[in-house]
Amino acid sequence: MGFAALVCGKAAEAAGLLARTCAVRQATGDAAILSTDAAHYAHALLLSGDHDKGRQQVNLALEVGSTDDVLTQGLARSALAWVAAAEGEDQATVRRHMADALAALEPTELVMDRALVHAACAEAAGLLGDGTTARHHRRCAIDLYDAKENVVGAAFQRGFL
């Protein structure tokens, strides 16, 4: 449910649901799924404007997630790009995180997660002052939402153009 709220742009609702999900995963020691849930939670927190907690969840996802888990890597690295840009890290670092995120998920059929990655890259590019790249990623996210007929998610992203 948290993921569904997230892909529809309902950040506060997604954050609340994903916080509970992560707590259960941590209590049961389910690190494999915790890493992905933490990455989704990071996106919800960043969308809510909570960069500090978002950074914590990114770190958790990368710490417990496997390096060959493309879903976690793509989600976490795109959130890391967003956090890095918000924290004023250099452009090369932010762009490397964006490229790593896209390289992990673009070859997959995980359409909604790819849309989240593009939305996060749009946010990072916007924070860098690169409007052209931000619009490109925003349009990619919209195209992916449209492909899955997620009209709410697509409309939410269109609101940023």
C-alpha atoms as a PDB file:
ATOM      1  CA  MET A   1       0.000   0.000   0.000  1.00  0.00           C
ATOM      2  CA  GLY A   2       2.900   2.326   0.741  1.00  0.00           C
ATOM      3  CA  PHE A   3       4.324   1.760  -2.731  1.00  0.00           C
ATOM      4  CA  ALA A   4       0.921   2.458  -4.300  1.00  0.00           C
ATOM      5  CA  ALA A   5       0.649   5.718  -2.381  1.00  0.00           C
ATOM      6  CA  LEU A   6       4.189   6.660  -3.388  1.00  0.00           C
ATOM      7  CA  VAL A   7       3.671   6.157  -7.127  1.00  0.00           C
ATOM      8  CA  CYS A   8       0.580   8.333  -6.896  1.00  0.00           C
ATOM      9  CA  GLY A   9       2.528  11.152  -5.238  1.00  0.00           C
ATOM     10  CA  LYS A  10       0.897  10.800  -1.823  1.00  0.00           C
ATOM     11  CA  ALA A  11       4.116  11.347   0.099  1.00  0.00           C
ATOM     12  CA  ALA A  12       2.817  11.622   3.670  1.00  0.00           C
ATOM     13  CA  GLU A  13       0.584   8.573   3.330  1.00  0.00           C
ATOM     14  CA  ALA A  14       3.385   6.577   1.693  1.00  0.00           C
ATOM     15  CA  ALA A  15       5.883   7.606   4.379  1.00  0.00           C
ATOM     16  CA  GLY A  16       3.581   6.484   7.176  1.00  0.00           C
ATOM     17  CA  LEU A  17       2.881   3.130   5.593  1.00  0.00           C
ATOM     18  CA  LEU A  18       6.479   2.487   4.601  1.00  0.00           C
ATOM     19  CA  ALA A  19       7.747   3.433   8.065  1.00  0.00           C
ATOM     20  CA  ARG A  20       5.594   0.685   9.548  1.00  0.00           C
ATOM     21  CA  THR A  21       6.648  -1.765   6.860  1.00  0.00           C
ATOM     22  CA  CYS A  22      10.337  -1.066   7.508  1.00  0.00           C
ATOM     23  CA  ALA A  23       9.834  -1.484  11.247  1.00  0.00           C
ATOM     24  CA  VAL A  24       8.313  -4.923  10.679  1.00  0.00           C
ATOM     25  CA  ARG A  25      11.129  -5.898   8.285  1.00  0.00           C
ATOM     26  CA  GLN A  26      13.747  -4.816  10.817  1.00  0.00           C
ATOM     27  CA  ALA A  27      12.025  -6.670  13.651  1.00  0.00           C
ATOM     28  CA  THR A  28      11.909  -9.882  11.623  1.00  0.00           C
ATOM     29  CA  GLY A  29      15.422  -9.505  10.226  1.00  0.00           C
ATOM     30  CA  ASP A  30      14.210  -9.618   6.618  1.00  0.00           C
ATOM     31  CA  ALA A  31      17.148  -7.634   5.199  1.00  0.00           C
ATOM     32  CA  ALA A  32      16.495  -8.455   1.543  1.00  0.00           C
ATOM     33  CA  ILE A  33      13.068  -6.893   1.485  1.00  0.00           C
ATOM     34  CA  LEU A  34      14.003  -4.239   4.061  1.00  0.00           C
ATOM     35  CA  SER A  35      16.515  -2.774   1.640  1.00  0.00           C
ATOM     36  CA  THR A  36      13.880  -2.207  -1.043  1.00  0.00           C
ATOM     37  CA  ASP A  37      11.302  -0.942   1.450  1.00  0.00           C
ATOM     38  CA  ALA A  38      13.885   1.448   2.923  1.00  0.00           C
ATOM     39  CA  ALA A  39      14.668   2.753  -0.571  1.00  0.00           C
ATOM     40  CA  HIS A  40      10.957   3.330  -1.249  1.00  0.00           C
ATOM     41  CA  TYR A  41      10.642   4.962   2.181  1.00  0.00           C
ATOM     42  CA  ALA A  42      13.557   7.261   1.310  1.00  0.00           C
ATOM     43  CA  HIS A  43      11.683   8.428  -1.788  1.00  0.00           C
ATOM     44  CA  ALA A  44       8.563   9.126   0.262  1.00  0.00           C
ATOM     45  CA  LEU A  45      10.555  11.071   2.842  1.00  0.00           C
ATOM     46  CA  LEU A  46      12.348  13.103   0.191  1.00  0.00           C
ATOM     47  CA  LEU A  47       9.065  13.852  -1.522  1.00  0.00           C
ATOM     48  CA  SER A  48       7.811  15.048   1.866  1.00  0.00           C
ATOM     49  CA  GLY A  49      10.851  17.307   2.215  1.00  0.00           C
ATOM     50  CA  ASP A  50      12.539  15.338   5.009  1.00  0.00           C
ATOM     51  CA  HIS A  51      16.050  15.044   3.614  1.00  0.00           C
ATOM     52  CA  ASP A  52      17.677  13.983   6.895  1.00  0.00           C
ATOM     53  CA  LYS A  53      15.451  10.945   7.379  1.00  0.00           C
ATOM     54  CA  GLY A  54      15.569  10.307   3.642  1.00  0.00           C
ATOM     55  CA  ARG A  55      19.367  10.121   3.839  1.00  0.00           C
ATOM     56  CA  GLN A  56      19.092   7.696   6.777  1.00  0.00           C
ATOM     57  CA  GLN A  57      16.844   5.381   4.779  1.00  0.00           C
ATOM     58  CA  VAL A  58      19.111   5.579   1.733  1.00  0.00           C
ATOM     59  CA  ASN A  59      22.040   4.598   3.929  1.00  0.00           C
ATOM     60  CA  LEU A  60      20.038   1.726   5.424  1.00  0.00           C
ATOM     61  CA  ALA A  61      19.005   0.475   1.979  1.00  0.00           C
ATOM     62  CA  LEU A  62      22.577   0.526   0.716  1.00  0.00           C
ATOM     63  CA  GLU A  63      23.920  -1.034   3.924  1.00  0.00           C
ATOM     64  CA  VAL A  64      21.576  -4.028   4.031  1.00  0.00           C
ATOM     65  CA  GLY A  65      20.917  -4.364   0.311  1.00  0.00           C
ATOM     66  CA  SER A  66      22.923  -6.599  -1.933  1.00  0.00           C
ATOM     67  CA  THR A  67      25.048  -4.989  -4.636  1.00  0.00           C
ATOM     68  CA  ASP A  68      23.324  -7.140  -7.267  1.00  0.00           C
ATOM     69  CA  ASP A  69      19.805  -6.150  -6.168  1.00  0.00           C
ATOM     70  CA  VAL A  70      19.024  -3.866  -9.107  1.00  0.00           C
ATOM     71  CA  LEU A  71      15.752  -2.672  -7.613  1.00  0.00           C
ATOM     72  CA  THR A  72      17.288  -1.511  -4.351  1.00  0.00           C
ATOM     73  CA  GLN A  73      20.366  -0.119  -6.077  1.00  0.00           C
ATOM     74  CA  GLY A  74      18.349   1.881  -8.596  1.00  0.00           C
ATOM     75  CA  LEU A  75      15.936   3.275  -6.038  1.00  0.00           C
ATOM     76  CA  ALA A  76      18.575   4.001  -3.403  1.00  0.00           C
ATOM     77  CA  ARG A  77      21.046   5.588  -5.809  1.00  0.00           C
ATOM     78  CA  SER A  78      18.398   7.881  -7.320  1.00  0.00           C
ATOM     79  CA  ALA A  79      17.351   8.938  -3.816  1.00  0.00           C
ATOM     80  CA  LEU A  80      21.031   9.435  -3.012  1.00  0.00           C
ATOM     81  CA  ALA A  81      21.346  11.737  -6.035  1.00  0.00           C
ATOM     82  CA  TRP A  82      18.377  13.771  -4.760  1.00  0.00           C
ATOM     83  CA  VAL A  83      19.841  14.015  -1.234  1.00  0.00           C
ATOM     84  CA  ALA A  84      23.314  14.821  -2.537  1.00  0.00           C
ATOM     85  CA  ALA A  85      21.952  17.638  -4.691  1.00  0.00           C
ATOM     86  CA  ALA A  86      19.908  18.997  -1.779  1.00  0.00           C
ATOM     87  CA  GLU A  87      23.007  18.924   0.427  1.00  0.00           C
ATOM     88  CA  GLY A  88      25.049  20.823  -2.158  1.00  0.00           C
ATOM     89  CA  GLU A  89      27.421  18.045  -3.172  1.00  0.00           C
ATOM     90  CA  ASP A  90      29.320  18.605  -6.385  1.00  0.00           C
ATOM     91  CA  GLN A  91      27.538  18.074  -9.688  1.00  0.00           C
ATOM     92  CA  ALA A  92      29.792  15.224 -10.791  1.00  0.00           C
ATOM     93  CA  THR A  93      28.868  13.190  -7.696  1.00  0.00           C
ATOM     94  CA  VAL A  94      25.155  13.852  -8.125  1.00  0.00           C
ATOM     95  CA  ARG A  95      25.272  12.949 -11.817  1.00  0.00           C
ATOM     96  CA  ARG A  96      27.217   9.754 -11.044  1.00  0.00           C
ATOM     97  CA  HIS A  97      24.492   8.696  -8.594  1.00  0.00           C
ATOM     98  CA  MET A  98      21.854   9.444 -11.243  1.00  0.00           C
ATOM     99  CA  ALA A  99      23.719   7.428 -13.883  1.00  0.00           C
ATOM    100  CA  ASP A 100      24.203   4.502 -11.480  1.00  0.00           C
ATOM    101  CA  ALA A 101      20.490   4.491 -10.636  1.00  0.00           C
ATOM    102  CA  LEU A 102      19.438   4.531 -14.263  1.00  0.00           C
ATOM    103  CA  ALA A 103      21.978   1.872 -15.241  1.00  0.00           C
ATOM    104  CA  ALA A 104      20.577  -0.430 -12.571  1.00  0.00           C
ATOM    105  CA  LEU A 105      16.887  -0.115 -13.433  1.00  0.00           C
ATOM    106  CA  GLU A 106      16.519   0.993 -17.045  1.00  0.00           C
ATOM    107  CA  PRO A 107      17.054  -2.522 -18.471  1.00  0.00           C
ATOM    108  CA  THR A 108      14.259  -3.927 -16.282  1.00  0.00           C
ATOM    109  CA  GLU A 109      10.520  -4.140 -16.729  1.00  0.00           C
ATOM    110  CA  LEU A 110       9.929  -2.539 -13.305  1.00  0.00           C
ATOM    111  CA  VAL A 111       8.021   0.342 -14.851  1.00  0.00           C
ATOM    112  CA  MET A 112       6.726   2.056 -11.701  1.00  0.00           C
ATOM    113  CA  ASP A 113      10.097   1.880  -9.993  1.00  0.00           C
ATOM    114  CA  ARG A 114      11.775   3.240 -13.114  1.00  0.00           C
ATOM    115  CA  ALA A 115       9.296   6.122 -13.001  1.00  0.00           C
ATOM    116  CA  LEU A 116      10.298   6.812  -9.387  1.00  0.00           C
ATOM    117  CA  VAL A 117      13.965   6.809 -10.376  1.00  0.00           C
ATOM    118  CA  HIS A 118      13.321   9.298 -13.173  1.00  0.00           C
ATOM    119  CA  ALA A 119      11.274  11.508 -10.852  1.00  0.00           C
ATOM    120  CA  ALA A 120      14.121  11.501  -8.308  1.00  0.00           C
ATOM    121  CA  CYS A 121      16.626  12.298 -11.054  1.00  0.00           C
ATOM    122  CA  ALA A 122      14.388  15.180 -12.130  1.00  0.00           C
ATOM    123  CA  GLU A 123      14.453  16.516  -8.576  1.00  0.00           C
ATOM    124  CA  ALA A 124      18.240  16.165  -8.379  1.00  0.00           C
ATOM    125  CA  ALA A 125      18.765  17.865 -11.747  1.00  0.00           C
ATOM    126  CA  GLY A 126      16.416  20.657 -10.737  1.00  0.00           C
ATOM    127  CA  LEU A 127      18.394  21.234  -7.545  1.00  0.00           C
ATOM    128  CA  LEU A 128      21.546  21.427  -9.669  1.00  0.00           C
ATOM    129  CA  GLY A 129      19.876  24.127 -11.752  1.00  0.00           C
ATOM    130  CA  ASP A 130      19.738  21.925 -14.853  1.00  0.00           C
ATOM    131  CA  GLY A 131      16.214  22.511 -16.083  1.00  0.00           C
ATOM    132  CA  THR A 132      16.710  20.677 -19.381  1.00  0.00           C
ATOM    133  CA  THR A 133      17.764  17.436 -17.680  1.00  0.00           C
ATOM    134  CA  ALA A 134      15.063  17.843 -15.036  1.00  0.00           C
ATOM    135  CA  ARG A 135      12.360  18.162 -17.710  1.00  0.00           C
ATOM    136  CA  HIS A 136      13.779  15.169 -19.594  1.00  0.00           C
ATOM    137  CA  HIS A 137      13.575  12.942 -16.515  1.00  0.00           C
ATOM    138  CA  ARG A 138      10.142  14.288 -15.597  1.00  0.00           C
ATOM    139  CA  ARG A 139       8.871  13.435 -19.093  1.00  0.00           C
ATOM    140  CA  CYS A 140      10.407   9.953 -18.852  1.00  0.00           C
ATOM    141  CA  ALA A 141       8.565   9.439 -15.554  1.00  0.00           C
ATOM    142  CA  ILE A 142       5.306  10.629 -17.131  1.00  0.00           C
ATOM    143  CA  ASP A 143       5.760   8.302 -20.114  1.00  0.00           C
ATOM    144  CA  LEU A 144       6.307   5.355 -17.767  1.00  0.00           C
ATOM    145  CA  TYR A 145       3.265   6.244 -15.647  1.00  0.00           C
ATOM    146  CA  ASP A 146       1.211   6.606 -18.822  1.00  0.00           C
ATOM    147  CA  ALA A 147       2.448   3.205 -20.027  1.00  0.00           C
ATOM    148  CA  LYS A 148       1.077   1.628 -16.844  1.00  0.00           C
ATOM    149  CA  GLU A 149      -2.081   3.762 -17.042  1.00  0.00           C
ATOM    150  CA  ASN A 150      -1.290   5.376 -13.703  1.00  0.00           C
ATOM    151  CA  VAL A 151      -3.140   8.599 -14.449  1.00  0.00           C
ATOM    152  CA  VAL A 152      -2.713   9.907 -10.887  1.00  0.00           C
ATOM    153  CA  GLY A 153       1.064   9.451 -10.916  1.00  0.00           C
ATOM    154  CA  ALA A 154       1.336  10.960 -14.398  1.00  0.00           C
ATOM    155  CA  ALA A 155      -0.790  13.958 -13.415  1.00  0.00           C
ATOM    156  CA  PHE A 156       1.294  14.465 -10.278  1.00  0.00           C
ATOM    157  CA  GLN A 157       4.489  14.536 -12.349  1.00  0.00           C
ATOM    158  CA  ARG A 158       2.922  16.819 -14.967  1.00  0.00           C
ATOM    159  CA  GLY A 159       2.282  19.306 -12.181  1.00  0.00           C
ATOM    160  CA  PHE A 160       6.037  19.815 -11.904  1.00  0.00           C
ATOM    161  CA  LEU A 161       6.541  20.738 -15.574  1.00  0.00           C
END
